[in-house]
C-alpha atoms as a PDB file:
ATOM      1  CA  MET A   1      18.542 -36.506  54.856  1.00  0.00           C
ATOM      2  CA  GLY A   2      17.265 -33.373  56.652  1.00  0.00           C
ATOM      3  CA  PHE A   3      13.685 -34.469  56.222  1.00  0.00           C
ATOM      4  CA  ILE A   4      14.383 -37.885  57.677  1.00  0.00           C
ATOM      5  CA  LEU A   5      16.193 -36.468  60.735  1.00  0.00           C
ATOM      6  CA  GLY A   6      13.510 -33.785  61.228  1.00  0.00           C
ATOM      7  CA  TYR A   7      10.826 -36.430  61.094  1.00  0.00           C
ATOM      8  CA  ILE A   8      12.639 -38.695  63.562  1.00  0.00           C
ATOM      9  CA  VAL A   9      12.971 -35.693  65.979  1.00  0.00           C
ATOM     10  CA  LEU A  10       9.281 -34.911  65.607  1.00  0.00           C
ATOM     11  CA  LEU A  11       8.429 -38.532  66.141  1.00  0.00           C
ATOM     12  CA  PHE A  12      10.292 -38.758  69.338  1.00  0.00           C
ATOM     13  CA  ALA A  13       9.214 -35.356  70.519  1.00  0.00           C
ATOM     14  CA  GLY A  14       5.717 -36.355  69.905  1.00  0.00           C
ATOM     15  CA  GLN A  15       6.042 -39.166  72.403  1.00  0.00           C
ATOM     16  CA  SER A  16       6.723 -36.758  75.193  1.00  0.00           C
ATOM     17  CA  LEU A  17       4.673 -33.820  73.948  1.00  0.00           C
ATOM     18  CA  GLY A  18       1.843 -35.649  72.282  1.00  0.00           C
ATOM     19  CA  PRO A  19       1.514 -36.578  68.601  1.00  0.00           C
ATOM     20  CA  THR A  20       1.509 -33.836  66.047  1.00  0.00           C
ATOM     21  CA  SER A  21      -0.632 -33.789  62.850  1.00  0.00           C
ATOM     22  CA  TYR A  22       2.571 -33.440  60.704  1.00  0.00           C
ATOM     23  CA  VAL A  23       3.725 -37.029  61.700  1.00  0.00           C
ATOM     24  CA  ARG A  24       0.436 -38.541  60.716  1.00  0.00           C
ATOM     25  CA  ARG A  25       0.108 -36.390  57.562  1.00  0.00           C
ATOM     26  CA  VAL A  26       3.532 -37.606  56.299  1.00  0.00           C
ATOM     27  CA  TRP A  27       2.153 -41.163  56.211  1.00  0.00           C
ATOM     28  CA  LYS A  28      -1.097 -40.115  54.531  1.00  0.00           C
ATOM     29  CA  VAL A  29       0.870 -38.346  51.821  1.00  0.00           C
ATOM     30  CA  LEU A  30       3.138 -41.317  51.192  1.00  0.00           C
ATOM     31  CA  ALA A  31       0.042 -43.582  51.124  1.00  0.00           C
ATOM     32  CA  PHE A  32      -1.578 -41.178  48.654  1.00  0.00           C
ATOM     33  CA  ALA A  33       1.569 -41.135  46.447  1.00  0.00           C
ATOM     34  CA  GLY A  34       1.620 -44.958  46.511  1.00  0.00           C
ATOM     35  CA  PHE A  35      -2.070 -45.086  45.581  1.00  0.00           C
ATOM     36  CA  PHE A  36      -1.609 -42.708  42.669  1.00  0.00           C
ATOM     37  CA  LEU A  37       1.400 -44.696  41.458  1.00  0.00           C
ATOM     38  CA  VAL A  38      -0.638 -47.898  41.420  1.00  0.00           C
ATOM     39  CA  GLU A  39      -3.546 -46.181  39.620  1.00  0.00           C
ATOM     40  CA  PHE A  40      -1.050 -44.680  37.097  1.00  0.00           C
ATOM     41  CA  VAL A  41       0.518 -48.084  36.328  1.00  0.00           C
ATOM     42  CA  LYS A  42      -2.855 -49.767  36.076  1.00  0.00           C
ATOM     43  CA  SER A  43      -4.093 -47.145  33.666  1.00  0.00           C
ATOM     44  CA  ASN A  44      -0.961 -47.253  31.579  1.00  0.00           C
ATOM     45  CA  LEU A  45      -1.222 -51.112  31.345  1.00  0.00           C
ATOM     46  CA  ARG A  46      -4.939 -50.918  30.389  1.00  0.00           C
ATOM     47  CA  ILE A  47      -4.283 -48.464  27.578  1.00  0.00           C
ATOM     48  CA  ALA A  48      -1.217 -50.365  26.375  1.00  0.00           C
ATOM     49  CA  ALA A  49      -3.111 -53.656  26.346  1.00  0.00           C
ATOM     50  CA  ASP A  50      -5.949 -51.961  24.345  1.00  0.00           C
ATOM     51  CA  VAL A  51      -3.565 -50.572  21.835  1.00  0.00           C
ATOM     52  CA  VAL A  52      -1.983 -53.882  21.025  1.00  0.00           C
ATOM     53  CA  ARG A  53      -5.258 -55.826  20.887  1.00  0.00           C
ATOM     54  CA  PRO A  54      -6.776 -56.324  17.356  1.00  0.00           C
ATOM     55  CA  HIS A  55     -10.194 -55.048  18.659  1.00  0.00           C
ATOM     56  CA  ILE A  56     -10.246 -51.958  20.691  1.00  0.00           C
ATOM     57  CA  ARG A  57     -12.494 -52.107  23.759  1.00  0.00           C
ATOM     58  CA  MET A  58     -12.662 -48.404  24.471  1.00  0.00           C
ATOM     59  CA  GLN A  59     -16.009 -46.819  25.085  1.00  0.00           C
ATOM     60  CA  PRO A  60     -15.250 -43.088  25.369  1.00  0.00           C
ATOM     61  CA  GLY A  61     -17.649 -40.728  27.134  1.00  0.00           C
ATOM     62  CA  ILE A  62     -18.007 -37.577  29.215  1.00  0.00           C
ATOM     63  CA  VAL A  63     -19.159 -38.017  32.837  1.00  0.00           C
ATOM     64  CA  ALA A  64     -20.186 -35.391  35.431  1.00  0.00           C
ATOM     65  CA  ILE A  65     -18.639 -36.145  38.736  1.00  0.00           C
ATOM     66  CA  PRO A  66     -20.270 -34.534  41.804  1.00  0.00           C
ATOM     67  CA  LEU A  67     -17.539 -33.135  44.026  1.00  0.00           C
ATOM     68  CA  THR A  68     -17.040 -33.485  47.727  1.00  0.00           C
ATOM     69  CA  VAL A  69     -13.781 -31.504  47.646  1.00  0.00           C
ATOM     70  CA  GLU A  70     -14.438 -27.803  48.121  1.00  0.00           C
ATOM     71  CA  THR A  71     -11.358 -25.621  48.158  1.00  0.00           C
ATOM     72  CA  ASP A  72      -9.599 -24.497  44.969  1.00  0.00           C
ATOM     73  CA  ALA A  73      -6.419 -26.477  45.865  1.00  0.00           C
ATOM     74  CA  GLU A  74      -8.458 -29.688  46.415  1.00  0.00           C
ATOM     75  CA  ILE A  75     -10.349 -29.291  43.113  1.00  0.00           C
ATOM     76  CA  THR A  76      -7.115 -28.420  41.222  1.00  0.00           C
ATOM     77  CA  LEU A  77      -5.296 -31.392  42.684  1.00  0.00           C
ATOM     78  CA  LEU A  78      -8.204 -33.732  41.846  1.00  0.00           C
ATOM     79  CA  ALA A  79      -8.453 -32.409  38.316  1.00  0.00           C
ATOM     80  CA  ASN A  80      -4.671 -32.599  37.761  1.00  0.00           C
ATOM     81  CA  LEU A  81      -4.410 -36.158  39.117  1.00  0.00           C
ATOM     82  CA  ILE A  82      -7.325 -37.263  36.881  1.00  0.00           C
ATOM     83  CA  THR A  83      -5.650 -35.737  33.838  1.00  0.00           C
ATOM     84  CA  LEU A  84      -2.258 -37.348  34.674  1.00  0.00           C
ATOM     85  CA  THR A  85      -3.997 -40.735  34.716  1.00  0.00           C
ATOM     86  CA  PRO A  86      -3.835 -42.174  31.192  1.00  0.00           C
ATOM     87  CA  GLY A  87      -7.286 -42.618  29.605  1.00  0.00           C
ATOM     88  CA  THR A  88      -8.919 -39.789  31.604  1.00  0.00           C
ATOM     89  CA  LEU A  89      -8.954 -36.035  31.044  1.00  0.00           C
ATOM     90  CA  SER A  90     -10.501 -33.203  33.201  1.00  0.00           C
ATOM     91  CA  LEU A  91     -12.585 -30.945  30.980  1.00  0.00           C
ATOM     92  CA  ASP A  92     -14.267 -28.366  33.168  1.00  0.00           C
ATOM     93  CA  VAL A  93     -15.536 -27.513  36.632  1.00  0.00           C
ATOM     94  CA  SER A  94     -19.067 -26.073  36.928  1.00  0.00           C
ATOM     95  CA  THR A  95     -19.419 -22.448  37.976  1.00  0.00           C
ATOM     96  CA  ASP A  96     -20.743 -23.436  41.401  1.00  0.00           C
ATOM     97  CA  ARG A  97     -17.650 -25.755  41.859  1.00  0.00           C
ATOM     98  CA  LYS A  98     -19.865 -28.741  42.670  1.00  0.00           C
ATOM     99  CA  THR A  99     -19.308 -30.736  39.498  1.00  0.00           C
ATOM    100  CA  LEU A 100     -16.255 -31.798  37.553  1.00  0.00           C
ATOM    101  CA  TYR A 101     -16.605 -32.921  33.993  1.00  0.00           C
ATOM    102  CA  ILE A 102     -14.195 -35.654  32.764  1.00  0.00           C
ATOM    103  CA  HIS A 103     -13.592 -37.558  29.585  1.00  0.00           C
ATOM    104  CA  SER A 104     -12.681 -41.241  29.928  1.00  0.00           C
ATOM    105  CA  VAL A 105     -12.022 -43.688  27.311  1.00  0.00           C
ATOM    106  CA  TYR A 106     -13.575 -46.496  29.312  1.00  0.00           C
ATOM    107  CA  VAL A 107     -17.190 -45.476  30.327  1.00  0.00           C
ATOM    108  CA  THR A 108     -19.024 -48.794  30.570  1.00  0.00           C
ATOM    109  CA  ASP A 109     -20.822 -47.655  33.688  1.00  0.00           C
ATOM    110  CA  PRO A 110     -20.869 -43.890  34.510  1.00  0.00           C
ATOM    111  CA  GLU A 111     -21.947 -44.491  38.132  1.00  0.00           C
ATOM    112  CA  ALA A 112     -19.054 -46.991  38.695  1.00  0.00           C
ATOM    113  CA  LEU A 113     -16.634 -44.326  37.244  1.00  0.00           C
ATOM    114  CA  ARG A 114     -18.005 -41.669  39.728  1.00  0.00           C
ATOM    115  CA  GLU A 115     -17.769 -44.169  42.641  1.00  0.00           C
ATOM    116  CA  GLU A 116     -14.135 -44.970  41.692  1.00  0.00           C
ATOM    117  CA  ILE A 117     -13.189 -41.327  41.637  1.00  0.00           C
ATOM    118  CA  ARG A 118     -15.113 -40.503  44.839  1.00  0.00           C
ATOM    119  CA  GLU A 119     -13.734 -43.481  46.855  1.00  0.00           C
ATOM    120  CA  GLY A 120     -10.254 -43.264  45.290  1.00  0.00           C
ATOM    121  CA  PHE A 121      -8.861 -39.882  44.538  1.00  0.00           C
ATOM    122  CA  GLU A 122     -11.407 -37.636  46.369  1.00  0.00           C
ATOM    123  CA  ARG A 123     -11.430 -39.541  49.619  1.00  0.00           C
ATOM    124  CA  ARG A 124      -7.616 -39.607  49.726  1.00  0.00           C
ATOM    125  CA  ILE A 125      -7.287 -35.961  48.791  1.00  0.00           C
ATOM    126  CA  LEU A 126      -9.624 -35.029  51.733  1.00  0.00           C
ATOM    127  CA  GLU A 127      -7.537 -37.212  54.060  1.00  0.00           C
ATOM    128  CA  VAL A 128      -4.282 -35.387  53.033  1.00  0.00           C
ATOM    129  CA  MET A 129      -5.551 -31.900  52.773  1.00  0.00           C
ATOM    130  CA  ARG A 130      -7.730 -31.706  55.903  1.00  0.00           C
END
């Protein structure tokens, strides 16, 4: 209740004082949480469907993902979100912190997986954290 009241006060104060980054950031965080929830449910359904099928369609592999996130917090958040998503697991970060190695059970096209992570998780993390 306190968060909602505080947000409303900042929203109305922003109209007279100018918008604050906090008001915009709250919506970005909520959108990011919604995005992750959708990805989480899709991954769960994909794994569950593959488990009950008579023929497994998994094609596991390890993929190197070039990183655009830079700080330790951003890299840690990305790695943890990837690990929380069923079917993927963060394995390691290169010593120069420019590459994240992940294991995925569905690697039909490594470049498509890289693009999915870059345009999905990484882009949204950068929107929220910066």
